[in-house]
PDB file of N, CA and C in Angstrom:
ATOM      1  N   MET A   1      -5.691  -2.263   1.191  1.00  0.00           N
ATOM      2  CA  MET A   1      -4.670  -2.511   2.173  1.00  0.00           C
ATOM      3  C   MET A   1      -5.144  -3.692   3.024  1.00  0.00           C
ATOM      4  N   THR A   2      -4.285  -4.677   3.187  1.00  0.00           N
ATOM      5  CA  THR A   2      -4.672  -5.865   3.950  1.00  0.00           C
ATOM      6  C   THR A   2      -3.990  -5.940   5.312  1.00  0.00           C
ATOM      7  N   ILE A   3      -2.833  -5.297   5.459  1.00  0.00           N
ATOM      8  CA  ILE A   3      -2.134  -5.278   6.754  1.00  0.00           C
ATOM      9  C   ILE A   3      -1.594  -3.876   6.999  1.00  0.00           C
ATOM     10  N   LEU A   4      -1.798  -3.382   8.216  1.00  0.00           N
ATOM     11  CA  LEU A   4      -1.211  -2.126   8.648  1.00  0.00           C
ATOM     12  C   LEU A   4      -0.797  -2.310  10.101  1.00  0.00           C
ATOM     13  N   ASP A   5       0.491  -2.470  10.328  1.00  0.00           N
ATOM     14  CA  ASP A   5       1.021  -2.719  11.671  1.00  0.00           C
ATOM     15  C   ASP A   5       2.052  -1.644  11.977  1.00  0.00           C
ATOM     16  N   SER A   6       1.771  -0.824  12.997  1.00  0.00           N
ATOM     17  CA  SER A   6       2.668   0.289  13.297  1.00  0.00           C
ATOM     18  C   SER A   6       2.864   0.432  14.802  1.00  0.00           C
ATOM     19  N   GLU A   7       3.814   1.276  15.155  1.00  0.00           N
ATOM     20  CA  GLU A   7       4.114   1.569  16.558  1.00  0.00           C
ATOM     21  C   GLU A   7       2.866   2.134  17.234  1.00  0.00           C
ATOM     22  N   TYR A   8       2.595   1.720  18.446  1.00  0.00           N
ATOM     23  CA  TYR A   8       1.358   2.105  19.127  1.00  0.00           C
ATOM     24  C   TYR A   8       1.330   3.556  19.589  1.00  0.00           C
ATOM     25  N   ASP A   9       2.470   4.198  19.771  1.00  0.00           N
ATOM     26  CA  ASP A   9       2.470   5.552  20.336  1.00  0.00           C
ATOM     27  C   ASP A   9       2.878   6.639  19.334  1.00  0.00           C
ATOM     28  N   THR A  10       2.757   6.363  18.031  1.00  0.00           N
ATOM     29  CA  THR A  10       3.040   7.374  17.002  1.00  0.00           C
ATOM     30  C   THR A  10       1.870   7.455  16.035  1.00  0.00           C
ATOM     31  N   ASN A  11       1.805   8.543  15.285  1.00  0.00           N
ATOM     32  CA  ASN A  11       0.779   8.680  14.249  1.00  0.00           C
ATOM     33  C   ASN A  11       1.055   7.704  13.115  1.00  0.00           C
ATOM     34  N   VAL A  12      -0.019   7.224  12.502  1.00  0.00           N
ATOM     35  CA  VAL A  12       0.107   6.289  11.384  1.00  0.00           C
ATOM     36  C   VAL A  12      -0.078   7.071  10.091  1.00  0.00           C
ATOM     37  N   ARG A  13       0.937   7.020   9.246  1.00  0.00           N
ATOM     38  CA  ARG A  13       0.895   7.703   7.955  1.00  0.00           C
ATOM     39  C   ARG A  13       1.367   6.727   6.878  1.00  0.00           C
ATOM     40  N   ALA A  14       0.467   6.365   5.992  1.00  0.00           N
ATOM     41  CA  ALA A  14       0.811   5.420   4.927  1.00  0.00           C
ATOM     42  C   ALA A  14       0.256   5.928   3.607  1.00  0.00           C
ATOM     43  N   ILE A  15       1.022   5.703   2.547  1.00  0.00           N
ATOM     44  CA  ILE A  15       0.614   6.097   1.201  1.00  0.00           C
ATOM     45  C   ILE A  15       0.676   4.861   0.310  1.00  0.00           C
ATOM     46  N   ILE A  16      -0.369   4.660  -0.469  1.00  0.00           N
ATOM     47  CA  ILE A  16      -0.368   3.608  -1.495  1.00  0.00           C
ATOM     48  C   ILE A  16      -0.540   4.296  -2.833  1.00  0.00           C
ATOM     49  N   GLU A  17       0.401   4.063  -3.746  1.00  0.00           N
ATOM     50  CA  GLU A  17       0.347   4.652  -5.083  1.00  0.00           C
ATOM     51  C   GLU A  17       0.343   3.546  -6.121  1.00  0.00           C
ATOM     52  N   ILE A  18      -0.427   3.739  -7.167  1.00  0.00           N
ATOM     53  CA  ILE A  18      -0.426   2.827  -8.307  1.00  0.00           C
ATOM     54  C   ILE A  18       0.100   3.625  -9.492  1.00  0.00           C
ATOM     55  N   THR A  19       1.178   3.143 -10.099  1.00  0.00           N
ATOM     56  CA  THR A  19       1.800   3.856 -11.211  1.00  0.00           C
ATOM     57  C   THR A  19       2.054   2.908 -12.373  1.00  0.00           C
ATOM     58  N   ASN A  20       2.454   3.465 -13.487  1.00  0.00           N
ATOM     59  CA  ASN A  20       2.819   2.693 -14.687  1.00  0.00           C
ATOM     60  C   ASN A  20       1.754   1.659 -15.049  1.00  0.00           C
ATOM     61  N   ILE A  21       0.519   2.109 -15.144  1.00  0.00           N
ATOM     62  CA  ILE A  21      -0.601   1.213 -15.438  1.00  0.00           C
ATOM     63  C   ILE A  21      -0.652   0.925 -16.935  1.00  0.00           C
ATOM     64  N   THR A  22      -0.665  -0.358 -17.257  1.00  0.00           N
ATOM     65  CA  THR A  22      -0.844  -0.797 -18.641  1.00  0.00           C
ATOM     66  C   THR A  22      -1.903  -1.887 -18.654  1.00  0.00           C
ATOM     67  N   ARG A  23      -2.203  -2.393 -19.816  1.00  0.00           N
ATOM     68  CA  ARG A  23      -3.176  -3.491 -19.876  1.00  0.00           C
ATOM     69  C   ARG A  23      -2.579  -4.795 -19.352  1.00  0.00           C
ATOM     70  N   TYR A  24      -1.264  -4.826 -19.130  1.00  0.00           N
ATOM     71  CA  TYR A  24      -0.590  -6.039 -18.675  1.00  0.00           C
ATOM     72  C   TYR A  24      -0.196  -6.008 -17.199  1.00  0.00           C
ATOM     73  N   GLY A  25      -0.257  -4.837 -16.578  1.00  0.00           N
ATOM     74  CA  GLY A  25       0.131  -4.768 -15.169  1.00  0.00           C
ATOM     75  C   GLY A  25       0.280  -3.340 -14.677  1.00  0.00           C
ATOM     76  N   PHE A  26       0.854  -3.199 -13.516  1.00  0.00           N
ATOM     77  CA  PHE A  26       1.051  -1.904 -12.886  1.00  0.00           C
ATOM     78  C   PHE A  26       2.098  -2.043 -11.796  1.00  0.00           C
ATOM     79  N   GLU A  27       2.538  -0.912 -11.242  1.00  0.00           N
ATOM     80  CA  GLU A  27       3.437  -0.913 -10.091  1.00  0.00           C
ATOM     81  C   GLU A  27       2.675  -0.394  -8.887  1.00  0.00           C
ATOM     82  N   LEU A  28       2.818  -1.084  -7.786  1.00  0.00           N
ATOM     83  CA  LEU A  28       2.186  -0.707  -6.528  1.00  0.00           C
ATOM     84  C   LEU A  28       3.279  -0.260  -5.562  1.00  0.00           C
ATOM     85  N   ILE A  29       3.189   0.959  -5.078  1.00  0.00           N
ATOM     86  CA  ILE A  29       4.201   1.520  -4.180  1.00  0.00           C
ATOM     87  C   ILE A  29       3.568   1.749  -2.816  1.00  0.00           C
ATOM     88  N   LEU A  30       4.163   1.163  -1.783  1.00  0.00           N
ATOM     89  CA  LEU A  30       3.718   1.332  -0.406  1.00  0.00           C
ATOM     90  C   LEU A  30       4.795   2.082   0.350  1.00  0.00           C
ATOM     91  N   LYS A  31       4.434   3.181   1.012  1.00  0.00           N
ATOM     92  CA  LYS A  31       5.449   3.912   1.761  1.00  0.00           C
ATOM     93  C   LYS A  31       4.828   4.666   2.929  1.00  0.00           C
ATOM     94  N   THR A  32       5.690   5.080   3.848  1.00  0.00           N
ATOM     95  CA  THR A  32       5.289   5.872   5.003  1.00  0.00           C
ATOM     96  C   THR A  32       6.068   7.182   4.975  1.00  0.00           C
ATOM     97  N   PHE A  33       5.669   8.117   5.846  1.00  0.00           N
ATOM     98  CA  PHE A  33       6.376   9.387   5.891  1.00  0.00           C
ATOM     99  C   PHE A  33       6.354   9.959   7.302  1.00  0.00           C
ATOM    100  N   ASN A  34       7.135  11.022   7.490  1.00  0.00           N
ATOM    101  CA  ASN A  34       7.362  11.676   8.782  1.00  0.00           C
ATOM    102  C   ASN A  34       7.932  10.670   9.775  1.00  0.00           C
ATOM    103  N   ASN A  35       7.418  10.633  10.979  1.00  0.00           N
ATOM    104  CA  ASN A  35       8.020   9.791  12.022  1.00  0.00           C
ATOM    105  C   ASN A  35       7.298   8.458  12.214  1.00  0.00           C
ATOM    106  N   THR A  36       6.563   8.011  11.223  1.00  0.00           N
ATOM    107  CA  THR A  36       5.834   6.747  11.338  1.00  0.00           C
ATOM    108  C   THR A  36       6.798   5.581  11.518  1.00  0.00           C
ATOM    109  N   LYS A  37       6.528   4.764  12.511  1.00  0.00           N
ATOM    110  CA  LYS A  37       7.293   3.528  12.718  1.00  0.00           C
ATOM    111  C   LYS A  37       6.405   2.383  12.263  1.00  0.00           C
ATOM    112  N   GLN A  38       6.720   1.872  11.073  1.00  0.00           N
ATOM    113  CA  GLN A  38       5.890   0.864  10.430  1.00  0.00           C
ATOM    114  C   GLN A  38       6.544  -0.499  10.528  1.00  0.00           C
ATOM    115  N   TRP A  39       5.817  -1.474  11.041  1.00  0.00           N
ATOM    116  CA  TRP A  39       6.334  -2.846  11.150  1.00  0.00           C
ATOM    117  C   TRP A  39       5.819  -3.709  10.011  1.00  0.00           C
ATOM    118  N   GLY A  40       4.677  -3.355   9.456  1.00  0.00           N
ATOM    119  CA  GLY A  40       4.149  -4.120   8.331  1.00  0.00           C
ATOM    120  C   GLY A  40       3.123  -3.314   7.559  1.00  0.00           C
ATOM    121  N   LEU A  41       3.201  -3.368   6.244  1.00  0.00           N
ATOM    122  CA  LEU A  41       2.240  -2.702   5.365  1.00  0.00           C
ATOM    123  C   LEU A  41       2.101  -3.573   4.138  1.00  0.00           C
ATOM    124  N   LYS A  42       0.889  -4.015   3.851  1.00  0.00           N
ATOM    125  CA  LYS A  42       0.683  -4.954   2.756  1.00  0.00           C
ATOM    126  C   LYS A  42      -0.615  -4.615   2.031  1.00  0.00           C
ATOM    127  N   ALA A  43      -0.604  -4.784   0.723  1.00  0.00           N
ATOM    128  CA  ALA A  43      -1.797  -4.583  -0.091  1.00  0.00           C
ATOM    129  C   ALA A  43      -1.958  -5.779  -1.015  1.00  0.00           C
ATOM    130  N   SER A  44      -3.182  -6.012  -1.445  1.00  0.00           N
ATOM    131  CA  SER A  44      -3.435  -7.098  -2.389  1.00  0.00           C
ATOM    132  C   SER A  44      -4.308  -6.592  -3.530  1.00  0.00           C
ATOM    133  N   TRP A  45      -4.330  -7.343  -4.607  1.00  0.00           N
ATOM    134  CA  TRP A  45      -5.089  -6.976  -5.792  1.00  0.00           C
ATOM    135  C   TRP A  45      -5.677  -8.229  -6.392  1.00  0.00           C
ATOM    136  N   MET A  46      -6.900  -8.111  -6.919  1.00  0.00           N
ATOM    137  CA  MET A  46      -7.563  -9.244  -7.553  1.00  0.00           C
ATOM    138  C   MET A  46      -8.084  -8.814  -8.921  1.00  0.00           C
ATOM    139  N   ALA A  47      -7.745  -9.565  -9.926  1.00  0.00           N
ATOM    140  CA  ALA A  47      -8.233  -9.280 -11.283  1.00  0.00           C
ATOM    141  C   ALA A  47      -9.647  -9.817 -11.449  1.00  0.00           C
ATOM    142  N   CYS A  48     -10.492  -9.035 -12.076  1.00  0.00           N
ATOM    143  CA  CYS A  48     -11.871  -9.458 -12.373  1.00  0.00           C
ATOM    144  C   CYS A  48     -12.085  -9.344 -13.870  1.00  0.00           C
ATOM    145  N   PRO A  49     -12.688 -10.343 -14.477  1.00  0.00           N
ATOM    146  CA  PRO A  49     -12.890 -10.305 -15.926  1.00  0.00           C
ATOM    147  C   PRO A  49     -13.900  -9.210 -16.312  1.00  0.00           C
ATOM    148  N   ALA A  50     -13.684  -8.620 -17.472  1.00  0.00           N
ATOM    149  CA  ALA A  50     -14.630  -7.623 -17.997  1.00  0.00           C
ATOM    150  C   ALA A  50     -15.909  -8.332 -18.430  1.00  0.00           C
ATOM    151  N   ARG A  51     -17.001  -7.653 -18.295  1.00  0.00           N
ATOM    152  CA  ARG A  51     -18.287  -8.251 -18.703  1.00  0.00           C
ATOM    153  C   ARG A  51     -18.725  -7.777 -20.034  1.00  0.00           C
TER     154      ARG A  51
END
């Protein structure tokens, strides 16, 4: 997770899920739940070559 920006007076609840993983890619799902007021949520990924 590279950015997490939320309301200052509420609990922070964030979920990051990785689904549909193949050798060519995947899906990244970012979401919040309950009463979280989220202004920004960001994740990044970097590929590294196999050794």
